Protein backbone atom coordinates (compact mmCIF):
# COMPACT_ATOMS: atom_id res chain seq x y z
CA MET A 1 5.81 204.13 131.98
CA GLN A 2 4.50 201.12 133.15
CA ASN A 3 6.50 198.17 133.44
CA LEU A 4 6.43 195.67 130.78
CA ASN A 5 6.68 191.51 130.97
CA PHE A 6 10.22 192.08 128.73
CA PRO A 7 13.46 192.07 130.68
CA ASN A 8 15.14 195.64 131.40
CA PHE A 9 16.59 197.73 128.74
CA GLU A 10 18.65 200.82 128.21
CA PHE A 11 16.77 203.11 127.02
CA ARG A 12 17.87 207.15 126.01
CA PHE A 13 15.13 209.62 126.68
CA LYS A 14 14.62 213.65 126.20
CA SER A 15 12.21 215.76 126.93
CA THR A 16 11.16 218.63 124.34
CA GLU A 17 8.16 220.55 124.16
CA ASN A 18 6.81 219.16 127.48
CA ARG A 19 6.91 215.40 125.62
CA LEU A 20 9.25 212.68 126.46
CA HIS A 21 10.95 211.25 123.59
CA VAL A 22 12.59 207.55 123.09
CA PHE A 23 15.71 206.71 121.02
CA ASP A 24 14.55 204.45 118.66
CA ILE A 25 17.90 202.22 117.36
CA ILE A 26 16.12 201.10 114.39
CA ARG A 27 14.52 204.75 113.19
CA LYS A 28 17.78 206.36 114.39
CA LYS A 29 15.54 209.18 115.61
CA PHE A 30 13.89 210.29 119.10
CA VAL A 31 10.05 209.35 118.71
CA VAL A 32 7.22 210.58 121.48
CA LEU A 33 6.87 208.17 124.07
CA GLN A 34 3.34 206.93 123.96
CA PRO A 35 2.44 203.31 125.78
CA GLU A 36 2.18 201.62 122.16
CA GLU A 37 5.95 202.96 121.57
CA TRP A 38 6.86 201.92 125.01
CA VAL A 39 5.86 198.51 123.73
CA ARG A 40 7.62 198.76 120.07
CA GLN A 41 10.58 199.64 121.46
CA HIS A 42 10.80 196.63 124.13
CA VAL A 43 10.16 194.48 121.38
CA VAL A 44 12.65 196.01 119.23
CA HIS A 45 15.72 195.75 122.39
CA ASN A 46 14.22 192.02 122.98
CA LEU A 47 14.75 190.71 119.36
CA ILE A 48 18.31 192.16 119.22
CA THR A 49 19.51 191.58 122.83
CA ILE A 50 17.88 188.21 123.42
CA LYS A 51 17.10 186.89 120.39
CA GLY A 52 20.18 188.14 118.06
CA TYR A 53 18.36 189.35 115.36
CA PRO A 54 20.50 192.12 113.63
CA LYS A 55 19.27 195.78 113.85
CA THR A 56 19.92 195.80 109.98
CA LEU A 57 17.35 193.05 109.54
CA ILE A 58 14.55 195.11 111.33
CA ASN A 59 12.30 197.40 110.05
CA VAL A 60 9.81 199.69 112.25
CA GLU A 61 6.52 201.32 111.17
CA LYS A 62 6.33 201.22 107.59
CA GLN A 63 3.26 201.21 105.39
CA LEU A 64 1.25 198.57 103.51
CA ILE A 65 -1.41 198.71 100.75
CA ILE A 66 -4.20 196.38 101.86
CA ASN A 67 -7.14 196.36 99.60
CA GLY A 68 -6.38 200.27 98.52
CA LEU A 69 -5.91 200.95 102.16
CA LYS A 70 -2.85 202.56 103.74
CA LYS A 71 -2.17 200.36 106.87
CA ARG A 72 1.28 200.64 108.82
CA TYR A 73 2.95 197.51 110.53
CA ASP A 74 4.66 198.46 113.78
CA VAL A 75 7.71 195.55 113.75
CA VAL A 76 8.98 193.64 110.57
CA VAL A 77 12.20 191.16 110.65
CA PHE A 78 13.37 190.27 107.62
CA LYS A 79 15.37 187.27 106.37
CA PRO A 80 19.03 187.77 104.82
CA ASN A 81 17.20 187.11 101.38
CA GLY A 82 14.49 189.90 101.82
CA SER A 83 11.68 187.69 102.88
CA ILE A 84 10.04 188.27 105.90
CA SER A 85 10.48 186.40 108.81
CA ILE A 86 8.69 188.20 111.87
CA LEU A 87 5.67 190.16 112.18
CA VAL A 88 4.83 192.05 115.01
CA GLU A 89 1.79 194.30 116.40
CA CYS A 90 2.21 195.81 119.41
CA LYS A 91 -0.82 197.59 121.51
CA ALA A 92 -0.60 199.30 124.37
CA PRO A 93 -0.40 197.61 127.90
CA GLU A 94 -4.16 198.76 128.75
CA VAL A 95 -5.73 197.66 125.13
CA ASN A 96 -6.25 193.70 125.43
CA ILE A 97 -5.43 191.46 123.37
CA THR A 98 -8.76 189.57 121.41
CA GLN A 99 -9.10 188.16 118.50
CA ASN A 100 -9.67 191.50 116.15
CA THR A 101 -5.82 192.15 117.14
CA PHE A 102 -5.57 188.66 115.59
CA ASN A 103 -7.67 189.45 112.36
CA GLN A 104 -5.71 192.43 111.99
CA ILE A 105 -1.89 190.78 111.89
CA ALA A 106 -3.98 188.12 109.49
CA ILE A 107 -4.47 190.47 107.31
CA TYR A 108 -1.51 192.14 107.18
CA ASN A 109 -0.12 188.88 107.04
CA MET A 110 -1.79 188.17 103.87
CA ASN A 111 0.53 190.85 102.17
CA VAL A 112 3.89 189.49 103.30
CA ALA A 113 3.39 186.04 104.26
CA SER A 114 6.02 186.25 106.95
CA ASP A 115 6.99 182.71 108.76
CA TYR A 116 5.84 184.05 112.25
CA LEU A 117 3.50 186.55 114.19
CA MET A 118 3.90 187.77 117.16
CA VAL A 119 1.04 190.12 118.97
CA THR A 120 1.65 191.77 122.23
CA ASN A 121 0.83 194.40 124.71
CA GLY A 122 3.64 194.14 126.64
CA LEU A 123 2.17 192.20 129.15
CA GLN A 124 1.20 189.43 127.40
CA HIS A 125 2.77 187.97 124.25
CA TYR A 126 1.80 185.75 121.85
CA TYR A 127 3.76 183.99 119.28
CA CYS A 128 2.87 181.79 116.10
CA GLN A 129 4.29 179.82 113.46
CA MET A 130 2.91 180.19 109.81
CA ASP A 131 1.96 177.77 107.34
CA ASN A 132 0.81 180.13 104.53
CA LYS A 133 0.25 177.62 102.10
CA ALA A 134 -2.55 175.72 104.04
CA GLU A 135 -3.20 179.06 105.66
CA LYS A 136 -2.85 177.50 109.32
CA TYR A 137 -0.74 178.30 112.45
CA VAL A 138 0.94 176.71 115.13
CA PHE A 139 1.16 178.84 118.90
CA LEU A 140 4.58 179.04 119.97
CA LYS A 141 6.42 179.69 123.65
CA ASP A 142 8.15 182.14 121.84
CA ILE A 143 9.54 182.78 118.34
CA PRO A 144 13.16 181.11 117.74
CA ASP A 145 16.21 182.95 117.75
CA PHE A 146 18.19 184.55 114.99
CA SER A 147 20.18 181.66 112.99
CA ARG A 148 21.83 182.28 109.46
């Protein structure tokens, strides 16, 4: 897999049925290692190892219903009170981050009202702090570290 713009993390791999799998420490299972999954796993490890977020507050690839359509978010970080702190949209490294990517995460966020958004393809990372009441956002250099 391609080197990404994240620190180096230790991953567990296995090969079955001629496909490489990576162990997802949140879902507690091996998942097929696709380029987007490689990015998602780096995001999760970064949130836990570098930013200090507890694994118990992180959720990966869960379904949302938006205007009657089933959608999936990549990564969500909850606050201890159950509201959503960070919503993350991951793309494969070869996928350019475009306005459409921001539109996608903005639509998801209309349903979850997170405090922060992160969009990444593993090479480029974009972070925003949301003001959901005013429907505005401010770009940041990074998302904040975990604090209780």
